[in-house]
Amino acid sequence: MFTIPGALYFAGWSLLLLRLVVALVFGVSGFSHLRSPRERAASIEMSVGFTVFLGLAEVAGALGLAFGVLTQWAAVGLILISLVAIFMKAFKWKTGFWGDKGSGFHYDLLFVAMNLTILCTGGGPIALLPV
């Protein structure tokens, strides 16, 4: 196997960066659900109660990833959220893979893969509470 010398040394830091990027995206999304739940509920065609639940789940998952607390469980939760988003985009809203103006489910599929990487690696060794 041919590897780049020294690259594996930074695996822990790269997993931390991955966790922080995923946490940022889900945290901002969750906060927008919580900041104006009625508007967000209308835009995603869900109830206000579900939208608040979704916002709390996204923020909780983001905090778990960012701080490395229950990292694998946070990744599982965010995978489920992403799979529901894929279902909604593909079957209910019929946006397609790429979607109009990049709103397709390709974006959510990337987050499934990123969270699956976090789940399978435990998120790496850099965490508030190591795995």
C-alpha atoms as a PDB file:
ATOM      1  CA  MET A   1       0.000   0.000   0.000  1.00  0.00           C
ATOM      2  CA  PHE A   2       1.367   3.383  -0.957  1.00  0.00           C
ATOM      3  CA  THR A   3       0.714   6.118   1.584  1.00  0.00           C
ATOM      4  CA  ILE A   4       1.841   9.679   1.990  1.00  0.00           C
ATOM      5  CA  PRO A   5       4.535   9.660   4.667  1.00  0.00           C
ATOM      6  CA  GLY A   6       3.375  11.314   7.856  1.00  0.00           C
ATOM      7  CA  ALA A   7      -0.234  11.855   6.730  1.00  0.00           C
ATOM      8  CA  LEU A   8      -1.603   9.249   9.135  1.00  0.00           C
ATOM      9  CA  TYR A   9      -0.018  11.206  11.968  1.00  0.00           C
ATOM     10  CA  PHE A  10      -2.718  13.848  11.442  1.00  0.00           C
ATOM     11  CA  ALA A  11      -5.676  11.418  11.374  1.00  0.00           C
ATOM     12  CA  GLY A  12      -6.871  12.508  14.812  1.00  0.00           C
ATOM     13  CA  TRP A  13      -6.786  16.173  13.850  1.00  0.00           C
ATOM     14  CA  SER A  14      -8.539  15.514  10.548  1.00  0.00           C
ATOM     15  CA  LEU A  15     -11.324  13.625  12.344  1.00  0.00           C
ATOM     16  CA  LEU A  16     -11.657  16.543  14.756  1.00  0.00           C
ATOM     17  CA  LEU A  17     -11.942  18.928  11.787  1.00  0.00           C
ATOM     18  CA  LEU A  18     -14.553  16.660  10.192  1.00  0.00           C
ATOM     19  CA  ARG A  19     -16.555  16.604  13.429  1.00  0.00           C
ATOM     20  CA  LEU A  20     -16.368  20.389  13.771  1.00  0.00           C
ATOM     21  CA  VAL A  21     -17.480  21.030  10.184  1.00  0.00           C
ATOM     22  CA  VAL A  22     -20.411  18.613  10.480  1.00  0.00           C
ATOM     23  CA  ALA A  23     -21.285  20.125  13.869  1.00  0.00           C
ATOM     24  CA  LEU A  24     -21.230  23.630  12.423  1.00  0.00           C
ATOM     25  CA  VAL A  25     -23.629  22.755   9.599  1.00  0.00           C
ATOM     26  CA  PHE A  26     -26.090  20.851  11.788  1.00  0.00           C
ATOM     27  CA  GLY A  27     -25.813  23.384  14.613  1.00  0.00           C
ATOM     28  CA  VAL A  28     -26.671  26.310  12.349  1.00  0.00           C
ATOM     29  CA  SER A  29     -29.516  24.336  10.781  1.00  0.00           C
ATOM     30  CA  GLY A  30     -30.900  23.351  14.183  1.00  0.00           C
ATOM     31  CA  PHE A  31     -30.619  26.904  15.467  1.00  0.00           C
ATOM     32  CA  SER A  32     -32.578  28.192  12.462  1.00  0.00           C
ATOM     33  CA  HIS A  33     -35.329  25.662  13.245  1.00  0.00           C
ATOM     34  CA  LEU A  34     -35.462  26.877  16.840  1.00  0.00           C
ATOM     35  CA  ARG A  35     -35.177  30.592  16.053  1.00  0.00           C
ATOM     36  CA  SER A  36     -38.257  30.718  13.830  1.00  0.00           C
ATOM     37  CA  PRO A  37     -40.055  27.379  14.083  1.00  0.00           C
ATOM     38  CA  ARG A  38     -43.268  28.488  12.352  1.00  0.00           C
ATOM     39  CA  GLU A  39     -41.484  29.707   9.239  1.00  0.00           C
ATOM     40  CA  ARG A  40     -39.197  26.684   9.138  1.00  0.00           C
ATOM     41  CA  ALA A  41     -42.128  24.317   9.682  1.00  0.00           C
ATOM     42  CA  ALA A  42     -43.909  25.828   6.711  1.00  0.00           C
ATOM     43  CA  SER A  43     -40.802  25.600   4.520  1.00  0.00           C
ATOM     44  CA  ILE A  44     -40.186  21.916   5.314  1.00  0.00           C
ATOM     45  CA  GLU A  45     -43.884  21.025   5.394  1.00  0.00           C
ATOM     46  CA  MET A  46     -43.785  19.696   8.953  1.00  0.00           C
ATOM     47  CA  SER A  47     -45.564  20.606  12.178  1.00  0.00           C
ATOM     48  CA  VAL A  48     -44.146  23.267  14.465  1.00  0.00           C
ATOM     49  CA  GLY A  49     -43.678  20.647  17.202  1.00  0.00           C
ATOM     50  CA  PHE A  50     -41.694  18.365  14.920  1.00  0.00           C
ATOM     51  CA  THR A  51     -39.636  21.316  13.692  1.00  0.00           C
ATOM     52  CA  VAL A  52     -38.695  22.231  17.275  1.00  0.00           C
ATOM     53  CA  PHE A  53     -37.825  18.570  17.977  1.00  0.00           C
ATOM     54  CA  LEU A  54     -35.708  18.504  14.803  1.00  0.00           C
ATOM     55  CA  GLY A  55     -33.932  21.712  15.816  1.00  0.00           C
ATOM     56  CA  LEU A  56     -33.162  20.354  19.281  1.00  0.00           C
ATOM     57  CA  ALA A  57     -31.933  17.062  17.829  1.00  0.00           C
ATOM     58  CA  GLU A  58     -29.640  18.844  15.360  1.00  0.00           C
ATOM     59  CA  VAL A  59     -28.215  21.133  18.038  1.00  0.00           C
ATOM     60  CA  ALA A  60     -27.718  18.217  20.462  1.00  0.00           C
ATOM     61  CA  GLY A  61     -25.992  16.162  17.757  1.00  0.00           C
ATOM     62  CA  ALA A  62     -23.814  19.116  16.819  1.00  0.00           C
ATOM     63  CA  LEU A  63     -22.744  19.659  20.424  1.00  0.00           C
ATOM     64  CA  GLY A  64     -21.986  15.961  20.811  1.00  0.00           C
ATOM     65  CA  LEU A  65     -19.754  15.987  17.752  1.00  0.00           C
ATOM     66  CA  ALA A  66     -18.057  19.283  18.576  1.00  0.00           C
ATOM     67  CA  PHE A  67     -17.138  18.287  22.126  1.00  0.00           C
ATOM     68  CA  GLY A  68     -16.660  14.576  21.518  1.00  0.00           C
ATOM     69  CA  VAL A  69     -19.374  13.606  23.999  1.00  0.00           C
ATOM     70  CA  LEU A  70     -21.407  10.537  22.988  1.00  0.00           C
ATOM     71  CA  THR A  71     -19.883  11.099  19.562  1.00  0.00           C
ATOM     72  CA  GLN A  72     -21.021   7.857  17.974  1.00  0.00           C
ATOM     73  CA  TRP A  73     -24.596   8.298  19.213  1.00  0.00           C
ATOM     74  CA  ALA A  74     -24.607  11.871  17.936  1.00  0.00           C
ATOM     75  CA  ALA A  75     -23.440  10.590  14.536  1.00  0.00           C
ATOM     76  CA  VAL A  76     -26.223   7.960  14.505  1.00  0.00           C
ATOM     77  CA  GLY A  77     -28.821  10.624  15.238  1.00  0.00           C
ATOM     78  CA  LEU A  78     -27.508  12.920  12.524  1.00  0.00           C
ATOM     79  CA  ILE A  79     -27.450  10.015  10.047  1.00  0.00           C
ATOM     80  CA  LEU A  80     -31.134   9.402  10.770  1.00  0.00           C
ATOM     81  CA  ILE A  81     -31.922  13.097  10.275  1.00  0.00           C
ATOM     82  CA  SER A  82     -30.034  13.045   6.965  1.00  0.00           C
ATOM     83  CA  LEU A  83     -31.836   9.906   5.795  1.00  0.00           C
ATOM     84  CA  VAL A  84     -35.205  11.535   6.504  1.00  0.00           C
ATOM     85  CA  ALA A  85     -34.054  14.612   4.562  1.00  0.00           C
ATOM     86  CA  ILE A  86     -33.059  12.374   1.637  1.00  0.00           C
ATOM     87  CA  PHE A  87     -36.447  10.655   1.751  1.00  0.00           C
ATOM     88  CA  MET A  88     -38.291  13.994   1.795  1.00  0.00           C
ATOM     89  CA  LYS A  89     -36.233  15.454  -1.044  1.00  0.00           C
ATOM     90  CA  ALA A  90     -36.316  12.332  -3.210  1.00  0.00           C
ATOM     91  CA  PHE A  91     -39.895  11.151  -2.733  1.00  0.00           C
ATOM     92  CA  LYS A  92     -42.042  13.948  -1.320  1.00  0.00           C
ATOM     93  CA  TRP A  93     -40.527  17.074  -2.875  1.00  0.00           C
ATOM     94  CA  LYS A  94     -38.990  15.237  -5.864  1.00  0.00           C
ATOM     95  CA  THR A  95     -35.957  17.519  -6.018  1.00  0.00           C
ATOM     96  CA  GLY A  96     -33.720  14.802  -7.450  1.00  0.00           C
ATOM     97  CA  PHE A  97     -30.069  14.104  -6.787  1.00  0.00           C
ATOM     98  CA  TRP A  98     -28.729  17.558  -7.718  1.00  0.00           C
ATOM     99  CA  GLY A  99     -31.957  19.532  -7.264  1.00  0.00           C
ATOM    100  CA  ASP A 100     -32.775  23.026  -8.335  1.00  0.00           C
ATOM    101  CA  LYS A 101     -30.010  25.440  -7.306  1.00  0.00           C
ATOM    102  CA  GLY A 102     -28.124  22.626  -5.563  1.00  0.00           C
ATOM    103  CA  SER A 103     -30.986  21.705  -3.235  1.00  0.00           C
ATOM    104  CA  GLY A 104     -30.950  18.000  -4.100  1.00  0.00           C
ATOM    105  CA  PHE A 105     -30.210  15.138  -1.773  1.00  0.00           C
ATOM    106  CA  HIS A 106     -26.527  14.890  -2.786  1.00  0.00           C
ATOM    107  CA  TYR A 107     -25.783  17.282   0.087  1.00  0.00           C
ATOM    108  CA  ASP A 108     -27.523  15.071   2.649  1.00  0.00           C
ATOM    109  CA  LEU A 109     -25.874  11.953   1.235  1.00  0.00           C
ATOM    110  CA  LEU A 110     -22.479  13.525   1.916  1.00  0.00           C
ATOM    111  CA  PHE A 111     -23.515  14.075   5.534  1.00  0.00           C
ATOM    112  CA  VAL A 112     -24.552  10.429   5.824  1.00  0.00           C
ATOM    113  CA  ALA A 113     -21.050   9.441   4.655  1.00  0.00           C
ATOM    114  CA  MET A 114     -19.330  11.949   6.957  1.00  0.00           C
ATOM    115  CA  ASN A 115     -21.339  10.839   9.982  1.00  0.00           C
ATOM    116  CA  LEU A 116     -20.764   7.184   9.079  1.00  0.00           C
ATOM    117  CA  THR A 117     -17.018   7.897   9.117  1.00  0.00           C
ATOM    118  CA  ILE A 118     -17.383   9.532  12.541  1.00  0.00           C
ATOM    119  CA  LEU A 119     -19.475   6.587  13.774  1.00  0.00           C
ATOM    120  CA  CYS A 120     -17.005   3.946  12.554  1.00  0.00           C
ATOM    121  CA  THR A 121     -13.904   5.726  13.857  1.00  0.00           C
ATOM    122  CA  GLY A 122     -15.412   6.891  17.128  1.00  0.00           C
ATOM    123  CA  GLY A 123     -14.682  10.428  15.999  1.00  0.00           C
ATOM    124  CA  GLY A 124     -10.977  10.160  16.651  1.00  0.00           C
ATOM    125  CA  PRO A 125      -8.869  10.501  19.803  1.00  0.00           C
ATOM    126  CA  ILE A 126      -9.329  14.241  20.378  1.00  0.00           C
ATOM    127  CA  ALA A 127     -12.414  14.720  22.539  1.00  0.00           C
ATOM    128  CA  LEU A 128     -13.680  16.046  25.843  1.00  0.00           C
ATOM    129  CA  LEU A 129     -14.570  12.471  26.834  1.00  0.00           C
ATOM    130  CA  PRO A 130     -12.497   9.936  24.886  1.00  0.00           C
ATOM    131  CA  VAL A 131     -14.345   6.954  23.414  1.00  0.00           C
END
